[in-house]
């Protein structure tokens, strides 16, 4: 008897290894189309003892942290769009731009791989399991330009990251230490797309002029900087 699926798999932002949603495993967890490449692929594996029906969709990803406001697109295609995957079966999903990347800035997309729920013999509720993978089309010369600051407008201290560059920055982990010795570690992996911003609430006791030392693990390497709190 087919077991019920419970809940949506979390949308995957920064997974390092193969991504798993229920019985499905995918690798790699992102697609990079750089330096003129217009096509790439991922491999989906069904770990279950039952076949699964899979739907694949592509979306434009024009905003930064949120993946709930994706936009339909025909510029990026994925094949096959629908297929059945047998037990322990594998399927290569190919993604491609219909036209070469245009303009100096990186284009960001999302590849959504969804297990289509099947009616169970008991009539129980079935839920879709979903994997969401980033796809980046990065022209030659495009680069991230992260700018960090600590802002206290609104009465609450926040760490701000503005990416004024033309490619994304991927933040995995942030370590902060104030001049008073207080420390905070932020482990909220995020992509900050070109021209976008991201903020994190601070627990550190900071006042105007407090100096905070930042170390951030990113796709650009470890970024280190001293920041003076403002607006408090």
Protein backbone atom coordinates (compact mmCIF):
# COMPACT_ATOMS: atom_id res chain seq x y z
CA UNK A 1 0.00 0.00 0.00
CA UNK A 2 1.32 3.41 -0.95
CA UNK A 3 2.19 5.49 2.08
CA UNK A 4 0.92 9.06 2.42
CA UNK A 5 3.26 11.97 1.79
CA UNK A 6 3.20 14.71 4.42
CA UNK A 7 4.02 18.32 3.62
CA UNK A 8 6.06 20.18 1.02
CA UNK A 9 9.80 19.72 0.91
CA UNK A 10 11.61 22.92 1.84
CA UNK A 11 12.67 25.05 -1.10
CA UNK A 12 16.38 24.44 -1.48
CA UNK A 13 18.54 27.54 -1.45
CA UNK A 14 22.04 26.55 -0.58
CA UNK A 15 22.33 22.80 -0.26
CA UNK A 16 25.90 21.61 -0.68
CA UNK A 17 25.34 17.93 -1.48
CA UNK A 18 22.56 16.07 -3.29
CA UNK A 19 19.13 17.47 -2.43
CA UNK A 20 16.49 15.11 -1.07
CA UNK A 21 12.70 15.49 -1.02
CA UNK A 22 10.93 12.37 0.22
CA UNK A 23 11.93 9.57 -2.13
CA UNK A 24 13.61 11.86 -4.68
CA UNK A 25 17.28 12.83 -4.80
CA UNK A 26 18.75 15.36 -7.24
CA UNK A 27 22.32 16.33 -8.06
CA UNK A 28 23.76 18.83 -8.59
CA UNK A 29 21.60 21.23 -6.58
CA UNK A 30 22.11 24.19 -8.94
CA UNK A 31 22.80 24.81 -12.61
CA UNK A 32 25.41 27.32 -13.74
CA UNK A 33 25.29 28.59 -17.31
CA UNK A 34 28.41 30.72 -17.51
CA UNK A 35 30.71 32.07 -20.22
CA UNK A 36 28.38 31.40 -23.12
CA UNK A 37 26.96 28.06 -21.96
CA UNK A 38 23.27 27.82 -22.78
CA UNK A 39 22.51 24.31 -21.49
CA UNK A 40 23.04 22.17 -18.40
CA UNK A 41 21.50 19.22 -16.60
CA UNK A 42 20.65 17.59 -13.28
CA UNK A 43 19.99 13.93 -12.48
CA UNK A 44 16.94 12.84 -10.51
CA UNK A 45 16.94 9.51 -8.64
CA UNK A 46 13.88 7.69 -7.26
CA UNK A 47 14.93 5.99 -4.02
CA UNK A 48 11.49 4.49 -3.36
CA UNK A 49 10.19 1.01 -4.12
CA UNK A 50 7.33 2.57 -6.09
CA UNK A 51 7.23 4.51 -9.36
CA UNK A 52 6.69 8.27 -9.14
CA UNK A 53 5.21 10.75 -11.61
CA UNK A 54 7.30 13.90 -11.90
CA UNK A 55 6.57 17.34 -13.34
CA UNK A 56 9.35 19.82 -14.18
CA UNK A 57 8.80 23.58 -14.56
CA UNK A 58 10.99 26.64 -15.03
CA UNK A 59 10.45 30.12 -13.60
CA UNK A 60 12.20 33.47 -13.69
CA UNK A 61 13.55 34.44 -10.25
CA UNK A 62 13.79 38.25 -10.34
CA UNK A 63 13.84 38.89 -6.58
CA UNK A 64 16.26 37.94 -3.85
CA UNK A 65 15.40 35.90 -0.78
CA UNK A 66 11.81 34.98 -1.59
CA UNK A 67 11.03 32.07 -3.90
CA UNK A 68 7.29 32.48 -3.40
CA UNK A 69 6.93 35.16 -6.07
CA UNK A 70 8.49 33.43 -9.07
CA UNK A 71 7.38 34.45 -12.55
CA UNK A 72 6.42 32.18 -15.42
CA UNK A 73 8.97 32.16 -18.23
CA UNK A 74 9.49 30.57 -21.62
CA UNK A 75 13.09 31.75 -21.89
CA UNK A 76 14.39 28.74 -19.94
CA UNK A 77 13.10 25.29 -20.91
CA UNK A 78 13.44 21.90 -19.22
CA UNK A 79 13.03 18.46 -20.79
CA UNK A 80 11.37 16.15 -20.22
CA UNK A 81 8.60 18.26 -18.62
CA UNK A 82 6.66 15.21 -17.34
CA UNK A 83 7.83 11.66 -16.83
CA UNK A 84 7.39 8.52 -14.74
CA UNK A 85 10.39 7.36 -12.77
CA UNK A 86 10.54 3.63 -11.87
CA UNK A 87 11.82 2.35 -8.52
CA UNK A 88 15.56 3.03 -8.21
CA UNK A 89 15.33 4.77 -11.59
CA UNK A 90 17.28 7.79 -12.76
CA UNK A 91 16.34 10.56 -15.18
CA UNK A 92 18.55 13.29 -16.62
CA UNK A 93 16.69 16.60 -16.78
CA UNK A 94 18.18 19.01 -19.28
CA UNK A 95 17.71 22.77 -19.02
CA UNK A 96 18.54 25.28 -21.73
CA UNK A 97 18.11 28.92 -22.64
CA UNK A 98 16.13 29.48 -25.82
CA UNK A 99 18.54 32.29 -26.68
CA UNK A 100 22.04 33.13 -25.43
CA UNK A 101 22.24 35.21 -22.26
CA UNK A 102 21.63 38.88 -23.00
CA UNK A 103 22.97 41.96 -21.26
CA UNK A 104 25.83 42.44 -18.78
CA UNK A 105 23.96 41.21 -15.69
CA UNK A 106 23.32 37.66 -14.54
CA UNK A 107 19.86 36.15 -15.07
CA UNK A 108 18.41 34.01 -12.27
CA UNK A 109 15.85 31.23 -12.66
CA UNK A 110 14.34 28.38 -10.63
CA UNK A 111 13.90 24.78 -11.73
CA UNK A 112 10.94 23.23 -9.88
CA UNK A 113 10.80 19.43 -9.75
CA UNK A 114 7.51 18.20 -8.30
CA UNK A 115 6.31 14.70 -7.49
CA UNK A 116 2.72 14.60 -8.72
CA UNK A 117 0.51 13.12 -5.97
CA UNK A 118 -1.25 9.90 -6.88
CA UNK A 119 -4.60 8.78 -5.50
CA UNK A 120 -4.03 6.22 -2.75
CA UNK A 121 -6.23 3.15 -2.21
CA UNK A 122 -7.29 4.43 1.21
CA UNK A 123 -8.40 7.80 -0.13
CA UNK A 124 -5.96 9.63 2.16
CA UNK A 125 -4.72 13.13 1.37
CA UNK A 126 -1.66 13.17 -0.87
CA UNK A 127 0.82 16.06 -0.88
CA UNK A 128 3.26 17.13 -3.56
CA UNK A 129 6.96 16.86 -2.78
CA UNK A 130 8.97 19.61 -4.42
CA UNK A 131 12.60 20.46 -5.11
CA UNK A 132 13.49 24.01 -6.13
CA UNK A 133 16.93 24.52 -7.69
CA UNK A 134 18.55 27.79 -8.75
CA UNK A 135 19.72 28.27 -12.33
CA UNK A 136 22.15 31.11 -13.06
CA UNK A 137 22.97 32.43 -16.54
CA UNK A 138 26.11 34.46 -15.91
CA UNK A 139 27.77 36.46 -18.71
CA UNK A 140 31.51 36.84 -18.84
CA UNK A 141 32.67 39.67 -16.57
CA UNK A 142 29.60 39.67 -14.32
CA UNK A 143 30.53 39.77 -10.63
CA UNK A 144 28.95 40.26 -7.23
CA UNK A 145 29.74 43.40 -5.25
CA UNK A 146 28.52 42.92 -1.66
CA UNK A 147 28.26 45.95 0.62
CA UNK A 148 27.65 45.36 4.33
CA UNK A 149 26.29 47.75 6.96
CA UNK A 150 24.59 47.76 10.36
CA UNK A 151 21.43 49.83 10.49
CA UNK A 152 19.21 50.67 13.46
CA UNK A 153 16.34 52.53 11.80
CA UNK A 154 13.02 51.52 13.30
CA UNK A 155 14.61 50.85 16.67
CA UNK A 156 15.95 47.38 15.84
CA UNK A 157 19.52 46.64 14.83
CA UNK A 158 19.92 44.75 11.56
CA UNK A 159 22.82 43.56 9.47
CA UNK A 160 22.27 44.66 5.87
CA UNK A 161 23.80 43.25 2.71
CA UNK A 162 23.29 45.12 -0.56
CA UNK A 163 24.61 43.48 -3.72
CA UNK A 164 25.42 46.32 -6.11
CA UNK A 165 27.14 43.97 -8.57
CA UNK A 166 25.94 42.11 -11.66
CA UNK A 167 25.98 38.54 -10.29
CA UNK A 168 24.65 36.81 -7.17
CA UNK A 169 26.41 36.33 -3.86
CA UNK A 170 25.69 33.18 -1.86
CA UNK A 171 25.98 33.55 1.91
CA UNK A 172 26.34 30.38 3.96
CA UNK A 173 27.36 31.54 7.44
CA UNK A 174 28.04 34.86 9.19
CA UNK A 175 30.09 35.38 12.35
CA UNK A 176 29.86 38.69 14.22
CA UNK A 177 31.79 40.07 17.17
CA UNK A 178 31.22 43.48 18.75
CA UNK A 179 33.87 45.69 20.34
CA UNK A 180 32.38 44.71 23.73
CA UNK A 181 33.17 41.03 23.04
CA UNK A 182 29.56 39.91 22.36
CA UNK A 183 29.25 37.38 19.55
CA UNK A 184 26.55 36.12 17.21
CA UNK A 185 26.53 33.46 14.51
CA UNK A 186 23.94 33.58 11.72
CA UNK A 187 23.32 30.37 9.81
CA UNK A 188 20.56 31.30 7.38
CA UNK A 189 21.92 30.38 3.93
CA UNK A 190 20.75 32.84 1.31
CA UNK A 191 21.28 33.97 -2.24
CA UNK A 192 21.37 37.74 -2.73
CA UNK A 193 20.81 38.40 -6.41
CA UNK A 194 22.34 41.22 -8.43
CA UNK A 195 20.86 44.54 -7.39
CA UNK A 196 19.02 43.04 -4.40
CA UNK A 197 19.40 43.22 -0.61
CA UNK A 198 19.06 40.96 2.43
CA UNK A 199 18.90 41.77 6.14
CA UNK A 200 19.32 39.76 9.35
CA UNK A 201 18.16 40.77 12.85
CA UNK A 202 20.97 41.24 15.35
CA UNK A 203 20.98 40.03 18.94
CA UNK A 204 24.23 41.84 19.66
CA UNK A 205 23.91 44.82 22.02
CA UNK A 206 24.92 47.63 19.66
CA UNK A 207 24.60 51.40 19.97
CA UNK A 208 25.60 54.21 17.64
CA UNK A 209 29.29 53.88 16.87
CA UNK A 210 29.64 50.29 18.08
CA UNK A 211 32.20 48.51 15.91
CA UNK A 212 31.28 45.00 14.81
CA UNK A 213 33.74 42.63 13.14
CA UNK A 214 32.12 40.53 10.42
CA UNK A 215 33.30 37.28 8.82
CA UNK A 216 31.01 35.77 6.19
CA UNK A 217 31.46 32.46 4.38
CA UNK A 218 30.31 33.03 0.78
CA UNK A 219 30.81 31.77 -2.76
CA UNK A 220 33.40 34.56 -3.04
CA UNK A 221 35.38 33.12 -0.15
CA UNK A 222 35.49 34.41 3.43
CA UNK A 223 34.64 38.11 3.55
CA UNK A 224 35.95 40.07 6.55
CA UNK A 225 35.06 43.64 7.43
CA UNK A 226 34.69 46.00 10.40
CA UNK A 227 31.34 47.80 10.54
CA UNK A 228 30.28 50.82 12.60
CA UNK A 229 26.65 50.77 13.69
CA UNK A 230 24.57 53.71 12.44
CA UNK A 231 21.05 54.99 12.93
CA UNK A 232 20.75 53.88 16.58
